[in-house]
Amino acid sequence: MGFYYGSGQPPQDEEKGGGLREVLAITLVVFRVLALPLGILLGGMFYLFLVFWLFTIHVLLGFAGIGLMVAVVLGRGIWELKHPPEIR
């Protein structure tokens, strides 16, 4: 039966698996790729909870929190209009 299924022993000439440095390098690359999206997601959730908390204190504070986000988005849009990307 060993002819069909193999002997169960690993081949002797196969390369050894990656070491600690390779694992750490891959982990670091994955964290660098995911850092910005996760930061935006967690920051947005924190801001949403902050606005809810501001509404529990006073209605005007809640609307001020929403107005602040609208002002930030409008400011970013105006900045993008004044500084268009260069097309080469």
N, C-alpha and C. Protein backbone atom coordinates (compact mmCIF):
# COMPACT_ATOMS: atom_id res chain seq x y z
N MET A 1 0.81 -1.19 0.00
CA MET A 1 0.00 0.00 0.00
C MET A 1 0.86 1.26 0.00
N GLY A 2 2.08 1.17 0.45
CA GLY A 2 2.96 2.32 0.45
C GLY A 2 3.23 2.83 -0.94
N PHE A 3 3.10 1.99 -1.91
CA PHE A 3 3.30 2.40 -3.30
C PHE A 3 2.24 3.41 -3.73
N TYR A 4 1.02 3.23 -3.29
CA TYR A 4 -0.08 4.11 -3.68
C TYR A 4 -0.16 5.37 -2.81
N TYR A 5 0.05 5.23 -1.54
CA TYR A 5 -0.18 6.33 -0.62
C TYR A 5 1.10 6.97 -0.09
N GLY A 6 2.19 6.46 -0.42
CA GLY A 6 3.45 6.99 0.07
C GLY A 6 3.85 6.30 1.37
N SER A 7 5.07 6.50 1.76
CA SER A 7 5.58 5.81 2.94
C SER A 7 5.21 6.51 4.24
N GLY A 8 4.71 7.71 4.17
CA GLY A 8 4.37 8.45 5.38
C GLY A 8 5.54 9.25 5.91
N GLN A 9 6.71 9.09 5.35
CA GLN A 9 7.89 9.84 5.75
C GLN A 9 8.05 11.05 4.84
N PRO A 10 8.42 12.22 5.38
CA PRO A 10 8.63 13.39 4.51
C PRO A 10 9.87 13.19 3.63
N PRO A 11 9.86 13.76 2.44
CA PRO A 11 11.04 13.63 1.58
C PRO A 11 12.26 14.29 2.22
N GLN A 12 13.41 13.74 1.97
CA GLN A 12 14.64 14.23 2.60
C GLN A 12 15.20 15.48 1.93
N ASP A 13 14.90 15.70 0.65
CA ASP A 13 15.51 16.81 -0.08
C ASP A 13 14.65 18.06 -0.12
N GLU A 14 13.57 18.10 0.62
CA GLU A 14 12.69 19.26 0.60
C GLU A 14 13.29 20.39 1.45
N GLU A 15 13.04 21.64 1.05
CA GLU A 15 13.59 22.79 1.78
C GLU A 15 12.92 22.92 3.14
N LYS A 16 13.67 23.49 4.05
CA LYS A 16 13.16 23.72 5.39
C LYS A 16 12.18 24.91 5.37
N GLY A 17 11.22 24.94 6.29
CA GLY A 17 10.24 26.02 6.38
C GLY A 17 10.88 27.33 6.78
N GLY A 18 10.11 28.41 6.67
CA GLY A 18 10.61 29.74 6.99
C GLY A 18 10.93 29.88 8.47
N GLY A 19 11.80 30.80 8.75
CA GLY A 19 12.21 31.03 10.13
C GLY A 19 11.46 32.20 10.75
N LEU A 20 11.92 32.61 11.90
CA LEU A 20 11.26 33.67 12.65
C LEU A 20 11.34 35.01 11.91
N ARG A 21 12.46 35.28 11.25
CA ARG A 21 12.59 36.56 10.53
C ARG A 21 11.58 36.68 9.40
N GLU A 22 11.37 35.58 8.66
CA GLU A 22 10.39 35.62 7.57
C GLU A 22 8.98 35.83 8.10
N VAL A 23 8.67 35.17 9.20
CA VAL A 23 7.33 35.31 9.80
C VAL A 23 7.13 36.74 10.27
N LEU A 24 8.12 37.32 10.94
CA LEU A 24 8.00 38.70 11.41
C LEU A 24 7.91 39.69 10.26
N ALA A 25 8.65 39.44 9.18
CA ALA A 25 8.60 40.35 8.03
C ALA A 25 7.21 40.33 7.38
N ILE A 26 6.64 39.14 7.22
CA ILE A 26 5.30 39.04 6.62
C ILE A 26 4.26 39.68 7.54
N THR A 27 4.37 39.45 8.83
CA THR A 27 3.43 40.05 9.78
C THR A 27 3.52 41.57 9.76
N LEU A 28 4.73 42.11 9.70
CA LEU A 28 4.92 43.56 9.65
C LEU A 28 4.32 44.15 8.38
N VAL A 29 4.49 43.49 7.25
CA VAL A 29 3.93 43.98 5.99
C VAL A 29 2.41 43.98 6.05
N VAL A 30 1.82 42.92 6.60
CA VAL A 30 0.36 42.85 6.70
C VAL A 30 -0.16 43.95 7.62
N PHE A 31 0.50 44.19 8.75
CA PHE A 31 0.06 45.25 9.65
C PHE A 31 0.20 46.62 9.01
N ARG A 32 1.26 46.84 8.22
CA ARG A 32 1.40 48.13 7.55
C ARG A 32 0.30 48.36 6.53
N VAL A 33 -0.11 47.30 5.84
CA VAL A 33 -1.17 47.44 4.84
C VAL A 33 -2.51 47.72 5.51
N LEU A 34 -2.76 47.07 6.65
CA LEU A 34 -4.06 47.19 7.31
C LEU A 34 -4.15 48.35 8.29
N ALA A 35 -3.05 49.03 8.58
CA ALA A 35 -3.05 50.07 9.61
C ALA A 35 -3.98 51.23 9.24
N LEU A 36 -3.89 51.75 8.03
CA LEU A 36 -4.71 52.91 7.65
C LEU A 36 -6.20 52.57 7.60
N PRO A 37 -6.62 51.48 6.93
CA PRO A 37 -8.07 51.19 6.94
C PRO A 37 -8.61 50.92 8.33
N LEU A 38 -7.85 50.20 9.16
CA LEU A 38 -8.33 49.93 10.51
C LEU A 38 -8.36 51.21 11.35
N GLY A 39 -7.40 52.09 11.15
CA GLY A 39 -7.40 53.36 11.86
C GLY A 39 -8.60 54.21 11.48
N ILE A 40 -8.92 54.24 10.20
CA ILE A 40 -10.10 55.01 9.75
C ILE A 40 -11.37 54.40 10.32
N LEU A 41 -11.48 53.08 10.28
CA LEU A 41 -12.67 52.41 10.79
C LEU A 41 -12.85 52.63 12.29
N LEU A 42 -11.79 52.43 13.05
CA LEU A 42 -11.89 52.62 14.50
C LEU A 42 -12.08 54.09 14.87
N GLY A 43 -11.45 54.99 14.13
CA GLY A 43 -11.65 56.42 14.38
C GLY A 43 -13.08 56.85 14.09
N GLY A 44 -13.66 56.33 13.02
CA GLY A 44 -15.05 56.64 12.69
C GLY A 44 -16.01 56.12 13.74
N MET A 45 -15.75 54.92 14.24
CA MET A 45 -16.61 54.37 15.29
C MET A 45 -16.49 55.18 16.58
N PHE A 46 -15.25 55.59 16.91
CA PHE A 46 -15.06 56.42 18.10
C PHE A 46 -15.80 57.74 17.95
N TYR A 47 -15.72 58.35 16.76
CA TYR A 47 -16.39 59.63 16.54
C TYR A 47 -17.91 59.46 16.63
N LEU A 48 -18.43 58.36 16.12
CA LEU A 48 -19.87 58.11 16.19
C LEU A 48 -20.31 57.98 17.65
N PHE A 49 -19.56 57.23 18.45
CA PHE A 49 -19.89 57.12 19.88
C PHE A 49 -19.76 58.47 20.58
N LEU A 50 -18.78 59.26 20.17
CA LEU A 50 -18.60 60.59 20.76
C LEU A 50 -19.80 61.48 20.47
N VAL A 51 -20.31 61.44 19.24
CA VAL A 51 -21.48 62.25 18.88
C VAL A 51 -22.70 61.78 19.67
N PHE A 52 -22.89 60.47 19.82
CA PHE A 52 -24.01 59.98 20.64
C PHE A 52 -23.88 60.46 22.08
N TRP A 53 -22.66 60.41 22.61
CA TRP A 53 -22.44 60.87 23.97
C TRP A 53 -22.72 62.37 24.09
N LEU A 54 -22.31 63.16 23.08
CA LEU A 54 -22.58 64.60 23.10
C LEU A 54 -24.08 64.87 23.07
N PHE A 55 -24.85 64.05 22.35
CA PHE A 55 -26.30 64.22 22.34
C PHE A 55 -26.90 63.92 23.71
N THR A 56 -26.28 63.01 24.46
CA THR A 56 -26.82 62.74 25.80
C THR A 56 -26.57 63.89 26.76
N ILE A 57 -25.50 64.65 26.51
CA ILE A 57 -25.22 65.80 27.37
C ILE A 57 -26.17 66.94 27.03
N HIS A 58 -26.20 67.33 25.73
CA HIS A 58 -27.07 68.40 25.28
C HIS A 58 -27.24 68.28 23.77
N VAL A 59 -28.43 68.63 23.30
CA VAL A 59 -28.73 68.49 21.88
C VAL A 59 -27.82 69.38 21.03
N LEU A 60 -27.55 70.58 21.49
CA LEU A 60 -26.71 71.49 20.71
C LEU A 60 -25.27 70.97 20.60
N LEU A 61 -24.78 70.32 21.64
CA LEU A 61 -23.44 69.73 21.56
C LEU A 61 -23.39 68.61 20.52
N GLY A 62 -24.45 67.82 20.44
CA GLY A 62 -24.52 66.76 19.43
C GLY A 62 -24.51 67.34 18.02
N PHE A 63 -25.31 68.37 17.82
CA PHE A 63 -25.33 69.02 16.50
C PHE A 63 -24.00 69.70 16.19
N ALA A 64 -23.32 70.19 17.22
CA ALA A 64 -22.00 70.79 17.01
C ALA A 64 -21.00 69.73 16.56
N GLY A 65 -21.10 68.52 17.12
CA GLY A 65 -20.24 67.43 16.68
C GLY A 65 -20.49 67.05 15.23
N ILE A 66 -21.75 67.00 14.84
CA ILE A 66 -22.08 66.72 13.44
C ILE A 66 -21.60 67.86 12.55
N GLY A 67 -21.80 69.09 12.99
CA GLY A 67 -21.34 70.24 12.22
C GLY A 67 -19.84 70.26 12.05
N LEU A 68 -19.11 69.82 13.05
CA LEU A 68 -17.66 69.75 12.94
C LEU A 68 -17.25 68.78 11.83
N MET A 69 -17.89 67.62 11.75
CA MET A 69 -17.56 66.66 10.70
C MET A 69 -17.93 67.21 9.32
N VAL A 70 -19.06 67.90 9.22
CA VAL A 70 -19.43 68.51 7.94
C VAL A 70 -18.41 69.56 7.54
N ALA A 71 -17.95 70.36 8.50
CA ALA A 71 -16.94 71.38 8.20
C ALA A 71 -15.62 70.76 7.76
N VAL A 72 -15.23 69.64 8.38
CA VAL A 72 -14.00 68.96 7.99
C VAL A 72 -14.11 68.42 6.56
N VAL A 73 -15.24 67.81 6.23
CA VAL A 73 -15.42 67.26 4.88
C VAL A 73 -15.46 68.38 3.85
N LEU A 74 -16.15 69.48 4.15
CA LEU A 74 -16.19 70.61 3.22
C LEU A 74 -14.81 71.24 3.05
N GLY A 75 -14.08 71.38 4.14
CA GLY A 75 -12.73 71.93 4.06
C GLY A 75 -11.82 71.06 3.21
N ARG A 76 -11.93 69.75 3.36
CA ARG A 76 -11.13 68.83 2.54
C ARG A 76 -11.52 68.95 1.07
N GLY A 77 -12.79 69.08 0.79
CA GLY A 77 -13.25 69.23 -0.60
C GLY A 77 -12.74 70.53 -1.21
N ILE A 78 -12.79 71.61 -0.47
CA ILE A 78 -12.29 72.88 -0.98
C ILE A 78 -10.78 72.82 -1.21
N TRP A 79 -10.06 72.18 -0.29
CA TRP A 79 -8.62 72.04 -0.46
C TRP A 79 -8.30 71.21 -1.70
N GLU A 80 -9.06 70.16 -1.95
CA GLU A 80 -8.84 69.33 -3.14
C GLU A 80 -9.14 70.10 -4.42
N LEU A 81 -10.13 70.99 -4.38
CA LEU A 81 -10.43 71.81 -5.56
C LEU A 81 -9.30 72.78 -5.87
N LYS A 82 -8.68 73.33 -4.84
CA LYS A 82 -7.60 74.29 -5.05
C LYS A 82 -6.28 73.62 -5.38
N HIS A 83 -6.12 72.35 -5.06
CA HIS A 83 -4.87 71.62 -5.31
C HIS A 83 -5.18 70.35 -6.10
N PRO A 84 -5.49 70.48 -7.39
CA PRO A 84 -5.82 69.27 -8.17
C PRO A 84 -4.57 68.41 -8.37
N PRO A 85 -4.77 67.11 -8.58
CA PRO A 85 -3.60 66.24 -8.80
C PRO A 85 -2.98 66.50 -10.16
N GLU A 86 -1.68 66.32 -10.23
CA GLU A 86 -0.97 66.50 -11.50
C GLU A 86 -1.10 65.23 -12.34
N ILE A 87 -1.50 65.41 -13.58
CA ILE A 87 -1.61 64.27 -14.50
C ILE A 87 -0.42 64.33 -15.44
N ARG A 88 0.34 63.25 -15.48
CA ARG A 88 1.55 63.23 -16.31
C ARG A 88 1.37 62.31 -17.48
